[in-house]
Full PDB file with SEQRES, HELIX, SHEET, SSBOND, CRYST1, ORIGX, SCALE, CONECT and MASTER records, all heavy atoms in Angstrom:
SEQRES   1 A   38  GLN PHE GLU ARG LEU ASP LEU ALA ASP ARG GLU ALA ILE          
SEQRES   2 A   38  ALA SER LEU PHE THR ARG TYR PRO ILE ARG ARG VAL VAL          
SEQRES   3 A   38  HIS LEU ALA ALA GLN ALA GLY VAL ARG TYR SER LEU              
HELIX    1 AA1 ARG A   10  ARG A   19  1                                  10    
HELIX    2 AA2 ARG A   35  SER A   37  5                                   3    
CRYST1    1.000    1.000    1.000  90.00  90.00  90.00 P 1           1          
ORIGX1      1.000000  0.000000  0.000000        0.00000                         
ORIGX2      0.000000  1.000000  0.000000        0.00000                         
ORIGX3      0.000000  0.000000  1.000000        0.00000                         
SCALE1      1.000000  0.000000  0.000000        0.00000                         
SCALE2      0.000000  1.000000  0.000000        0.00000                         
SCALE3      0.000000  0.000000  1.000000        0.00000                         
ATOM      1  N   GLN A   1     125.157 104.184 101.853  1.00  0.00           N  
ATOM      2  CA  GLN A   1     124.512 104.105 100.568  1.00  0.00           C  
ATOM      3  C   GLN A   1     123.043 103.594 100.854  1.00  0.00           C  
ATOM      4  O   GLN A   1     122.759 102.794 101.671  1.00  0.00           O  
ATOM      5  CB  GLN A   1     125.279 103.007  99.743  1.00  0.00           C  
ATOM      6  CG  GLN A   1     126.681 103.364  99.388  1.00  0.00           C  
ATOM      7  CD  GLN A   1     127.432 102.329  98.545  1.00  0.00           C  
ATOM      8  OE1 GLN A   1     127.111 102.005  97.510  1.00  0.00           O  
ATOM      9  NE2 GLN A   1     128.342 101.613  99.234  1.00  0.00           N  
ATOM     10  N   PHE A   2     122.218 104.169  99.908  1.00  0.00           N  
ATOM     11  CA  PHE A   2     120.681 103.878 100.112  1.00  0.00           C  
ATOM     12  C   PHE A   2     120.150 103.180  98.892  1.00  0.00           C  
ATOM     13  O   PHE A   2     120.390 103.374  97.813  1.00  0.00           O  
ATOM     14  CB  PHE A   2     119.902 105.270 100.188  1.00  0.00           C  
ATOM     15  CG  PHE A   2     118.434 104.968 100.417  1.00  0.00           C  
ATOM     16  CD1 PHE A   2     117.950 104.334 101.517  1.00  0.00           C  
ATOM     17  CD2 PHE A   2     117.593 105.471  99.563  1.00  0.00           C  
ATOM     18  CE1 PHE A   2     116.666 104.155 101.800  1.00  0.00           C  
ATOM     19  CE2 PHE A   2     116.134 105.297  99.583  1.00  0.00           C  
ATOM     20  CZ  PHE A   2     115.727 104.665 100.689  1.00  0.00           C  
ATOM     21  N   GLU A   3     119.372 102.134  99.360  1.00  0.00           N  
ATOM     22  CA  GLU A   3     118.542 101.341  98.463  1.00  0.00           C  
ATOM     23  C   GLU A   3     117.070 101.392  98.658  1.00  0.00           C  
ATOM     24  O   GLU A   3     116.621 101.054  99.723  1.00  0.00           O  
ATOM     25  CB  GLU A   3     119.007  99.867  98.357  1.00  0.00           C  
ATOM     26  CG  GLU A   3     120.415  99.589  98.004  1.00  0.00           C  
ATOM     27  CD  GLU A   3     120.584  99.554  96.457  1.00  0.00           C  
ATOM     28  OE1 GLU A   3     119.582  99.350  95.720  1.00  0.00           O  
ATOM     29  OE2 GLU A   3     121.723  99.718  96.019  1.00  0.00           O  
ATOM     30  N   ARG A   4     116.320 102.005  97.732  1.00  0.00           N  
ATOM     31  CA  ARG A   4     114.894 102.025  98.022  1.00  0.00           C  
ATOM     32  C   ARG A   4     114.360 100.631  97.415  1.00  0.00           C  
ATOM     33  O   ARG A   4     114.109 100.594  96.208  1.00  0.00           O  
ATOM     34  CB  ARG A   4     114.234 103.223  97.327  1.00  0.00           C  
ATOM     35  CG  ARG A   4     112.793 103.252  97.480  1.00  0.00           C  
ATOM     36  CD  ARG A   4     112.209 104.714  97.080  1.00  0.00           C  
ATOM     37  NE  ARG A   4     110.774 104.784  97.481  1.00  0.00           N  
ATOM     38  CZ  ARG A   4     110.067 105.873  97.301  1.00  0.00           C  
ATOM     39  NH1 ARG A   4     110.619 107.086  96.946  1.00  0.00           N  
ATOM     40  NH2 ARG A   4     108.780 105.923  97.681  1.00  0.00           N  
ATOM     41  N   LEU A   5     113.970  99.756  98.371  1.00  0.00           N  
ATOM     42  CA  LEU A   5     113.429  98.490  97.932  1.00  0.00           C  
ATOM     43  C   LEU A   5     112.432  97.925  98.811  1.00  0.00           C  
ATOM     44  O   LEU A   5     112.278  98.457  99.968  1.00  0.00           O  
ATOM     45  CB  LEU A   5     114.642  97.423  98.061  1.00  0.00           C  
ATOM     46  CG  LEU A   5     115.769  97.530  97.067  1.00  0.00           C  
ATOM     47  CD1 LEU A   5     116.764  96.530  97.528  1.00  0.00           C  
ATOM     48  CD2 LEU A   5     115.318  97.381  95.620  1.00  0.00           C  
ATOM     49  N   ASP A   6     111.629  97.125  98.399  1.00  0.00           N  
ATOM     50  CA  ASP A   6     110.445  96.565  99.187  1.00  0.00           C  
ATOM     51  C   ASP A   6     110.931  95.152  99.652  1.00  0.00           C  
ATOM     52  O   ASP A   6     111.431  94.359  98.813  1.00  0.00           O  
ATOM     53  CB  ASP A   6     109.184  96.392  98.425  1.00  0.00           C  
ATOM     54  CG  ASP A   6     107.965  96.190  99.332  1.00  0.00           C  
ATOM     55  OD1 ASP A   6     108.004  95.086  99.998  1.00  0.00           O  
ATOM     56  OD2 ASP A   6     107.042  97.017  99.294  1.00  0.00           O  
ATOM     57  N   LEU A   7     110.715  94.902 100.895  1.00  0.00           N  
ATOM     58  CA  LEU A   7     111.249  93.605 101.487  1.00  0.00           C  
ATOM     59  C   LEU A   7     110.531  92.367 100.808  1.00  0.00           C  
ATOM     60  O   LEU A   7     111.141  91.373 100.639  1.00  0.00           O  
ATOM     61  CB  LEU A   7     110.864  93.520 103.034  1.00  0.00           C  
ATOM     62  CG  LEU A   7     111.670  94.252 104.072  1.00  0.00           C  
ATOM     63  CD1 LEU A   7     111.001  94.101 105.413  1.00  0.00           C  
ATOM     64  CD2 LEU A   7     113.120  93.987 103.976  1.00  0.00           C  
ATOM     65  N   ALA A   8     109.367  92.613 100.347  1.00  0.00           N  
ATOM     66  CA  ALA A   8     108.628  91.465  99.769  1.00  0.00           C  
ATOM     67  C   ALA A   8     108.954  91.177  98.307  1.00  0.00           C  
ATOM     68  O   ALA A   8     108.671  90.145  97.754  1.00  0.00           O  
ATOM     69  CB  ALA A   8     107.134  91.811  99.740  1.00  0.00           C  
ATOM     70  N   ASP A   9     109.894  92.003  97.774  1.00  0.00           N  
ATOM     71  CA  ASP A   9     110.502  91.787  96.478  1.00  0.00           C  
ATOM     72  C   ASP A   9     111.595  90.855  96.452  1.00  0.00           C  
ATOM     73  O   ASP A   9     112.667  91.294  96.643  1.00  0.00           O  
ATOM     74  CB  ASP A   9     110.922  93.156  95.714  1.00  0.00           C  
ATOM     75  CG  ASP A   9     111.282  93.076  94.331  1.00  0.00           C  
ATOM     76  OD1 ASP A   9     111.607  91.958  93.835  1.00  0.00           O  
ATOM     77  OD2 ASP A   9     111.044  94.026  93.588  1.00  0.00           O  
ATOM     78  N   ARG A  10     111.364  89.579  96.271  1.00  0.00           N  
ATOM     79  CA  ARG A  10     112.371  88.456  96.387  1.00  0.00           C  
ATOM     80  C   ARG A  10     113.587  88.697  95.627  1.00  0.00           C  
ATOM     81  O   ARG A  10     114.709  88.625  96.065  1.00  0.00           O  
ATOM     82  CB  ARG A  10     111.633  87.182  96.160  1.00  0.00           C  
ATOM     83  CG  ARG A  10     112.650  85.939  96.380  1.00  0.00           C  
ATOM     84  CD  ARG A  10     112.027  84.595  95.795  1.00  0.00           C  
ATOM     85  NE  ARG A  10     110.673  84.283  96.100  1.00  0.00           N  
ATOM     86  CZ  ARG A  10     110.125  83.263  95.645  1.00  0.00           C  
ATOM     87  NH1 ARG A  10     110.694  82.460  94.940  1.00  0.00           N  
ATOM     88  NH2 ARG A  10     108.823  83.099  96.235  1.00  0.00           N  
ATOM     89  N   GLU A  11     113.285  88.959  94.353  1.00  0.00           N  
ATOM     90  CA  GLU A  11     114.422  89.106  93.372  1.00  0.00           C  
ATOM     91  C   GLU A  11     115.325  90.303  93.778  1.00  0.00           C  
ATOM     92  O   GLU A  11     116.537  90.241  93.700  1.00  0.00           O  
ATOM     93  CB  GLU A  11     113.933  89.180  91.992  1.00  0.00           C  
ATOM     94  CG  GLU A  11     113.343  87.912  91.455  1.00  0.00           C  
ATOM     95  CD  GLU A  11     112.901  88.068  89.936  1.00  0.00           C  
ATOM     96  OE1 GLU A  11     113.103  89.114  89.373  1.00  0.00           O  
ATOM     97  OE2 GLU A  11     112.381  87.073  89.434  1.00  0.00           O  
ATOM     98  N   ALA A  12     114.601  91.409  94.096  1.00  0.00           N  
ATOM     99  CA  ALA A  12     115.429  92.654  94.552  1.00  0.00           C  
ATOM    100  C   ALA A  12     116.243  92.421  95.660  1.00  0.00           C  
ATOM    101  O   ALA A  12     117.375  92.914  95.861  1.00  0.00           O  
ATOM    102  CB  ALA A  12     114.418  93.920  94.644  1.00  0.00           C  
ATOM    103  N   ILE A  13     115.751  91.705  96.712  1.00  0.00           N  
ATOM    104  CA  ILE A  13     116.438  91.542  97.972  1.00  0.00           C  
ATOM    105  C   ILE A  13     117.633  90.517  97.705  1.00  0.00           C  
ATOM    106  O   ILE A  13     118.690  90.716  98.240  1.00  0.00           O  
ATOM    107  CB  ILE A  13     115.557  90.909  99.031  1.00  0.00           C  
ATOM    108  CG1 ILE A  13     114.515  92.012  99.390  1.00  0.00           C  
ATOM    109  CG2 ILE A  13     116.296  90.548 100.366  1.00  0.00           C  
ATOM    110  CD1 ILE A  13     114.930  93.233 100.000  1.00  0.00           C  
ATOM    111  N   ALA A  14     117.453  89.479  96.918  1.00  0.00           N  
ATOM    112  CA  ALA A  14     118.485  88.603  96.560  1.00  0.00           C  
ATOM    113  C   ALA A  14     119.594  89.281  95.824  1.00  0.00           C  
ATOM    114  O   ALA A  14     120.685  89.069  96.062  1.00  0.00           O  
ATOM    115  CB  ALA A  14     117.959  87.400  95.588  1.00  0.00           C  
ATOM    116  N   SER A  15     119.211  90.121  94.964  1.00  0.00           N  
ATOM    117  CA  SER A  15     120.175  90.999  94.302  1.00  0.00           C  
ATOM    118  C   SER A  15     121.019  91.908  95.048  1.00  0.00           C  
ATOM    119  O   SER A  15     122.213  92.051  94.920  1.00  0.00           O  
ATOM    120  CB  SER A  15     119.518  91.848  93.080  1.00  0.00           C  
ATOM    121  OG  SER A  15     120.437  92.745  92.475  1.00  0.00           O  
ATOM    122  N   LEU A  16     120.279  92.441  96.090  1.00  0.00           N  
ATOM    123  CA  LEU A  16     120.992  93.356  97.030  1.00  0.00           C  
ATOM    124  C   LEU A  16     122.197  92.709  97.770  1.00  0.00           C  
ATOM    125  O   LEU A  16     123.290  93.183  97.790  1.00  0.00           O  
ATOM    126  CB  LEU A  16     120.039  93.882  98.093  1.00  0.00           C  
ATOM    127  CG  LEU A  16     120.535  94.684  99.164  1.00  0.00           C  
ATOM    128  CD1 LEU A  16     120.759  96.042  98.707  1.00  0.00           C  
ATOM    129  CD2 LEU A  16     119.608  94.745 100.433  1.00  0.00           C  
ATOM    130  N   PHE A  17     121.851  91.330  98.119  1.00  0.00           N  
ATOM    131  CA  PHE A  17     122.997  90.629  98.844  1.00  0.00           C  
ATOM    132  C   PHE A  17     124.150  90.136  97.797  1.00  0.00           C  
ATOM    133  O   PHE A  17     125.198  89.969  98.266  1.00  0.00           O  
ATOM    134  CB  PHE A  17     122.366  89.347  99.517  1.00  0.00           C  
ATOM    135  CG  PHE A  17     121.848  89.762 100.827  1.00  0.00           C  
ATOM    136  CD1 PHE A  17     120.376  90.018 100.890  1.00  0.00           C  
ATOM    137  CD2 PHE A  17     122.507  89.565 101.990  1.00  0.00           C  
ATOM    138  CE1 PHE A  17     119.770  90.264 102.161  1.00  0.00           C  
ATOM    139  CE2 PHE A  17     121.920  89.772 103.202  1.00  0.00           C  
ATOM    140  CZ  PHE A  17     120.499  90.171 103.368  1.00  0.00           C  
ATOM    141  N   THR A  18     123.945  90.149  96.610  1.00  0.00           N  
ATOM    142  CA  THR A  18     125.011  89.789  95.685  1.00  0.00           C  
ATOM    143  C   THR A  18     125.730  91.046  95.178  1.00  0.00           C  
ATOM    144  O   THR A  18     126.844  90.947  94.934  1.00  0.00           O  
ATOM    145  CB  THR A  18     124.423  89.115  94.412  1.00  0.00           C  
ATOM    146  OG1 THR A  18     123.570  90.038  93.737  1.00  0.00           O  
ATOM    147  CG2 THR A  18     123.754  87.813  94.789  1.00  0.00           C  
ATOM    148  N   ARG A  19     125.066  92.227  95.352  1.00  0.00           N  
ATOM    149  CA  ARG A  19     125.816  93.439  94.823  1.00  0.00           C  
ATOM    150  C   ARG A  19     126.615  94.195  96.010  1.00  0.00           C  
ATOM    151  O   ARG A  19     127.550  95.086  95.625  1.00  0.00           O  
ATOM    152  CB  ARG A  19     124.751  94.524  94.348  1.00  0.00           C  
ATOM    153  CG  ARG A  19     124.124  94.064  93.139  1.00  0.00           C  
ATOM    154  CD  ARG A  19     123.122  95.188  92.513  1.00  0.00           C  
ATOM    155  NE  ARG A  19     121.913  95.221  93.281  1.00  0.00           N  
ATOM    156  CZ  ARG A  19     121.534  96.306  93.991  1.00  0.00           C  
ATOM    157  NH1 ARG A  19     122.287  97.372  94.201  1.00  0.00           N  
ATOM    158  NH2 ARG A  19     120.392  96.242  94.626  1.00  0.00           N  
ATOM    159  N   TYR A  20     126.375  93.878  97.326  1.00  0.00           N  
ATOM    160  CA  TYR A  20     127.176  94.356  98.418  1.00  0.00           C  
ATOM    161  C   TYR A  20     127.799  93.347  99.321  1.00  0.00           C  
ATOM    162  O   TYR A  20     127.245  92.287  99.330  1.00  0.00           O  
ATOM    163  CB  TYR A  20     126.281  95.247  99.179  1.00  0.00           C  
ATOM    164  CG  TYR A  20     125.719  96.549  98.615  1.00  0.00           C  
ATOM    165  CD1 TYR A  20     124.451  96.508  98.100  1.00  0.00           C  
ATOM    166  CD2 TYR A  20     126.502  97.612  98.585  1.00  0.00           C  
ATOM    167  CE1 TYR A  20     123.897  97.638  97.541  1.00  0.00           C  
ATOM    168  CE2 TYR A  20     125.819  98.946  98.035  1.00  0.00           C  
ATOM    169  CZ  TYR A  20     124.598  98.742  97.478  1.00  0.00           C  
ATOM    170  OH  TYR A  20     124.204  99.946  96.985  1.00  0.00           O  
ATOM    171  N   PRO A  21     129.099  93.583  99.685  1.00  0.00           N  
ATOM    172  CA  PRO A  21     129.680  92.684 100.603  1.00  0.00           C  
ATOM    173  C   PRO A  21     129.130  92.625 102.042  1.00  0.00           C  
ATOM    174  O   PRO A  21     129.828  93.182 102.820  1.00  0.00           O  
ATOM    175  CB  PRO A  21     131.126  93.137 100.503  1.00  0.00           C  
ATOM    176  CG  PRO A  21     131.106  94.520 100.241  1.00  0.00           C  
ATOM    177  CD  PRO A  21     129.911  94.807  99.468  1.00  0.00           C  
ATOM    178  N   ILE A  22     128.018  92.237 102.218  1.00  0.00           N  
ATOM    179  CA  ILE A  22     127.249  92.262 103.507  1.00  0.00           C  
ATOM    180  C   ILE A  22     127.736  91.358 104.524  1.00  0.00           C  
ATOM    181  O   ILE A  22     127.685  90.136 104.361  1.00  0.00           O  
ATOM    182  CB  ILE A  22     125.714  92.319 103.302  1.00  0.00           C  
ATOM    183  CG1 ILE A  22     125.178  93.418 102.532  1.00  0.00           C  
ATOM    184  CG2 ILE A  22     125.018  92.345 104.782  1.00  0.00           C  
ATOM    185  CD1 ILE A  22     123.785  93.304 101.908  1.00  0.00           C  
ATOM    186  N   ARG A  23     128.411  91.853 105.518  1.00  0.00           N  
ATOM    187  CA  ARG A  23     128.914  90.987 106.625  1.00  0.00           C  
ATOM    188  C   ARG A  23     127.902  90.775 107.716  1.00  0.00           C  
ATOM    189  O   ARG A  23     127.777  89.695 108.237  1.00  0.00           O  
ATOM    190  CB  ARG A  23     130.197  91.522 107.245  1.00  0.00           C  
ATOM    191  CG  ARG A  23     131.341  91.639 106.194  1.00  0.00           C  
ATOM    192  CD  ARG A  23     132.612  92.105 106.928  1.00  0.00           C  
ATOM    193  NE  ARG A  23     132.365  93.473 107.502  1.00  0.00           N  
ATOM    194  CZ  ARG A  23     132.280  93.714 108.842  1.00  0.00           C  
ATOM    195  NH1 ARG A  23     132.351  92.727 109.738  1.00  0.00           N  
ATOM    196  NH2 ARG A  23     132.075  94.922 109.299  1.00  0.00           N  
ATOM    197  N   ARG A  24     127.161  91.696 108.046  1.00  0.00           N  
ATOM    198  CA  ARG A  24     126.161  91.753 109.219  1.00  0.00           C  
ATOM    199  C   ARG A  24     124.917  92.579 108.795  1.00  0.00           C  
ATOM    200  O   ARG A  24     124.971  93.357 107.909  1.00  0.00           O  
ATOM    201  CB  ARG A  24     126.832  92.257 110.570  1.00  0.00           C  
ATOM    202  CG  ARG A  24     127.933  91.418 111.238  1.00  0.00           C  
ATOM    203  CD  ARG A  24     128.441  92.188 112.345  1.00  0.00           C  
ATOM    204  NE  ARG A  24     129.460  93.232 111.897  1.00  0.00           N  
ATOM    205  CZ  ARG A  24     129.907  94.154 112.683  1.00  0.00           C  
ATOM    206  NH1 ARG A  24     129.596  94.049 113.910  1.00  0.00           N  
ATOM    207  NH2 ARG A  24     130.792  95.018 112.308  1.00  0.00           N  
ATOM    208  N   VAL A  25     123.779  92.009 109.457  1.00  0.00           N  
ATOM    209  CA  VAL A  25     122.600  92.639 109.134  1.00  0.00           C  
ATOM    210  C   VAL A  25     121.795  92.985 110.345  1.00  0.00           C  
ATOM    211  O   VAL A  25     121.765  92.228 111.232  1.00  0.00           O  
ATOM    212  CB  VAL A  25     121.682  91.584 108.274  1.00  0.00           C  
ATOM    213  CG1 VAL A  25     120.236  92.113 108.006  1.00  0.00           C  
ATOM    214  CG2 VAL A  25     122.421  91.272 106.944  1.00  0.00           C  
ATOM    215  N   VAL A  26     121.272  94.243 110.354  1.00  0.00           N  
ATOM    216  CA  VAL A  26     120.324  94.644 111.387  1.00  0.00           C  
ATOM    217  C   VAL A  26     119.052  94.896 110.727  1.00  0.00           C  
ATOM    218  O   VAL A  26     118.858  95.851 109.944  1.00  0.00           O  
ATOM    219  CB  VAL A  26     120.876  95.938 111.979  1.00  0.00           C  
ATOM    220  CG1 VAL A  26     119.902  96.380 113.043  1.00  0.00           C  
ATOM    221  CG2 VAL A  26     122.226  95.902 112.590  1.00  0.00           C  
ATOM    222  N   HIS A  27     118.022  93.932 110.930  1.00  0.00           N  
ATOM    223  CA  HIS A  27     116.852  93.930 110.190  1.00  0.00           C  
ATOM    224  C   HIS A  27     115.692  94.674 111.161  1.00  0.00           C  
ATOM    225  O   HIS A  27     115.151  93.975 111.883  1.00  0.00           O  
ATOM    226  CB  HIS A  27     116.479  92.594 109.913  1.00  0.00           C  
ATOM    227  CG  HIS A  27     115.076  92.286 109.219  1.00  0.00           C  
ATOM    228  ND1 HIS A  27     114.804  93.073 108.001  1.00  0.00           N  
ATOM    229  CD2 HIS A  27     113.971  91.640 109.560  1.00  0.00           C  
ATOM    230  CE1 HIS A  27     113.485  92.861 107.679  1.00  0.00           C  
ATOM    231  NE2 HIS A  27     112.998  92.074 108.497  1.00  0.00           N  
ATOM    232  N   LEU A  28     115.418  95.958 110.721  1.00  0.00           N  
ATOM    233  CA  LEU A  28     114.458  96.701 111.504  1.00  0.00           C  
ATOM    234  C   LEU A  28     113.232  97.020 110.862  1.00  0.00           C  
ATOM    235  O   LEU A  28     112.240  97.567 111.252  1.00  0.00           O  
ATOM    236  CB  LEU A  28     115.154  97.944 112.127  1.00  0.00           C  
ATOM    237  CG  LEU A  28     116.336  97.670 112.969  1.00  0.00           C  
ATOM    238  CD1 LEU A  28     117.100  99.028 113.149  1.00  0.00           C  
ATOM    239  CD2 LEU A  28     115.947  97.074 114.339  1.00  0.00           C  
ATOM    240  N   ALA A  29     113.229  96.802 109.314  1.00  0.00           N  
ATOM    241  CA  ALA A  29     112.205  97.180 108.614  1.00  0.00           C  
ATOM    242  C   ALA A  29     110.956  96.159 108.936  1.00  0.00           C  
ATOM    243  O   ALA A  29     111.182  94.976 108.921  1.00  0.00           O  
ATOM    244  CB  ALA A  29     112.506  96.953 107.157  1.00  0.00           C  
ATOM    245  N   ALA A  30     109.767  96.737 109.033  1.00  0.00           N  
ATOM    246  CA  ALA A  30     108.553  95.793 109.188  1.00  0.00           C  
ATOM    247  C   ALA A  30     107.322  96.832 109.119  1.00  0.00           C  
ATOM    248  O   ALA A  30     107.440  98.046 109.188  1.00  0.00           O  
ATOM    249  CB  ALA A  30     108.596  95.346 110.646  1.00  0.00           C  
ATOM    250  N   GLN A  31     106.234  96.151 108.887  1.00  0.00           N  
ATOM    251  CA  GLN A  31     104.975  96.855 109.057  1.00  0.00           C  
ATOM    252  C   GLN A  31     104.664  96.969 110.595  1.00  0.00           C  
ATOM    253  O   GLN A  31     104.380  96.003 111.107  1.00  0.00           O  
ATOM    254  CB  GLN A  31     103.870  96.179 108.277  1.00  0.00           C  
ATOM    255  CG  GLN A  31     102.521  96.956 108.499  1.00  0.00           C  
ATOM    256  CD  GLN A  31     102.601  98.407 108.008  1.00  0.00           C  
ATOM    257  OE1 GLN A  31     102.950  98.661 106.861  1.00  0.00           O  
ATOM    258  NE2 GLN A  31     102.370  99.391 108.894  1.00  0.00           N  
ATOM    259  N   ALA A  32     104.733  98.241 111.089  1.00  0.00           N  
ATOM    260  CA  ALA A  32     104.609  98.379 112.544  1.00  0.00           C  
ATOM    261  C   ALA A  32     103.072  98.694 112.872  1.00  0.00           C  
ATOM    262  O   ALA A  32     102.253  98.943 112.011  1.00  0.00           O  
ATOM    263  CB  ALA A  32     105.434  99.492 113.015  1.00  0.00           C  
ATOM    264  N   GLY A  33     102.892  98.675 114.195  1.00  0.00           N  
ATOM    265  CA  GLY A  33     101.558  99.122 114.717  1.00  0.00           C  
ATOM    266  C   GLY A  33     100.654  98.012 114.936  1.00  0.00           C  
ATOM    267  O   GLY A  33     100.346  97.131 114.102  1.00  0.00           O  
ATOM    268  N   VAL A  34     100.133  98.047 116.133  1.00  0.00           N  
ATOM    269  CA  VAL A  34      99.116  96.916 116.661  1.00  0.00           C  
ATOM    270  C   VAL A  34      97.739  97.281 116.031  1.00  0.00           C  
ATOM    271  O   VAL A  34      97.107  96.432 115.416  1.00  0.00           O  
ATOM    272  CB  VAL A  34      98.985  96.983 118.149  1.00  0.00           C  
ATOM    273  CG1 VAL A  34      97.687  96.071 118.561  1.00  0.00           C  
ATOM    274  CG2 VAL A  34     100.296  96.347 118.739  1.00  0.00           C  
ATOM    275  N   ARG A  35      97.324  98.527 116.096  1.00  0.00           N  
ATOM    276  CA  ARG A  35      95.919  98.803 115.727  1.00  0.00           C  
ATOM    277  C   ARG A  35      95.701  98.756 114.222  1.00  0.00           C  
ATOM    278  O   ARG A  35      94.754  98.301 113.632  1.00  0.00           O  
ATOM    279  CB  ARG A  35      95.654 100.257 116.310  1.00  0.00           C  
ATOM    280  CG  ARG A  35      95.459 100.293 117.723  1.00  0.00           C  
ATOM    281  CD  ARG A  35      95.454 101.579 118.411  1.00  0.00           C  
ATOM    282  NE  ARG A  35      95.554 101.647 119.771  1.00  0.00           N  
ATOM    283  CZ  ARG A  35      95.965 102.607 120.504  1.00  0.00           C  
ATOM    284  NH1 ARG A  35      96.228 103.780 119.943  1.00  0.00           N  
ATOM    285  NH2 ARG A  35      96.114 102.557 121.786  1.00  0.00           N  
ATOM    286  N   TYR A  36      96.768  99.124 113.377  1.00  0.00           N  
ATOM    287  CA  TYR A  36      96.757  99.111 112.073  1.00  0.00           C  
ATOM    288  C   TYR A  36      96.624  97.657 111.526  1.00  0.00           C  
ATOM    289  O   TYR A  36      96.070  97.451 110.487  1.00  0.00           O  
ATOM    290  CB  TYR A  36      98.018  99.743 111.368  1.00  0.00           C  
ATOM    291  CG  TYR A  36      98.039  99.906 109.963  1.00  0.00           C  
ATOM    292  CD1 TYR A  36      97.197 100.879 109.368  1.00  0.00           C  
ATOM    293  CD2 TYR A  36      98.980  99.324 109.145  1.00  0.00           C  
ATOM    294  CE1 TYR A  36      97.156 101.161 108.015  1.00  0.00           C  
ATOM    295  CE2 TYR A  36      99.005  99.438 107.691  1.00  0.00           C  
ATOM    296  CZ  TYR A  36      98.130 100.400 107.237  1.00  0.00           C  
ATOM    297  OH  TYR A  36      98.194 100.688 105.797  1.00  0.00           O  
ATOM    298  N   SER A  37      97.057  96.744 112.260  1.00  0.00           N  
ATOM    299  CA  SER A  37      97.043  95.317 111.966  1.00  0.00           C  
ATOM    300  C   SER A  37      95.572  94.699 111.910  1.00  0.00           C  
ATOM    301  O   SER A  37      95.262  93.816 111.310  1.00  0.00           O  
ATOM    302  CB  SER A  37      97.936  94.447 112.721  1.00  0.00           C  
ATOM    303  OG  SER A  37      97.475  94.250 114.169  1.00  0.00           O  
ATOM    304  N   LEU A  38      94.684  95.462 112.605  1.00  0.00           N  
ATOM    305  CA  LEU A  38      93.274  95.074 112.709  1.00  0.00           C  
ATOM    306  C   LEU A  38      92.577  95.380 111.294  1.00  0.00           C  
ATOM    307  O   LEU A  38      91.625  94.703 111.072  1.00  0.00           O  
ATOM    308  CB  LEU A  38      92.549  95.871 113.835  1.00  0.00           C  
ATOM    309  CG  LEU A  38      93.135  95.590 115.197  1.00  0.00           C  
ATOM    310  CD1 LEU A  38      92.377  96.527 116.209  1.00  0.00           C  
ATOM    311  CD2 LEU A  38      93.196  94.149 115.623  1.00  0.00           C  
TER     312      LEU A  38                                                      
MASTER        0    0    0    2    0    0    0    6  311    1    0    3          
END                                                                             
């Protein structure tokens, strides 16, 4: 199942954890890239 959400959306992430019986989490989403951070 797919959820199009932004990590920075506090209410949306909180809702996600209440809507699904999440037992474990693999957190790989991030803003990547060294040069882009400059």
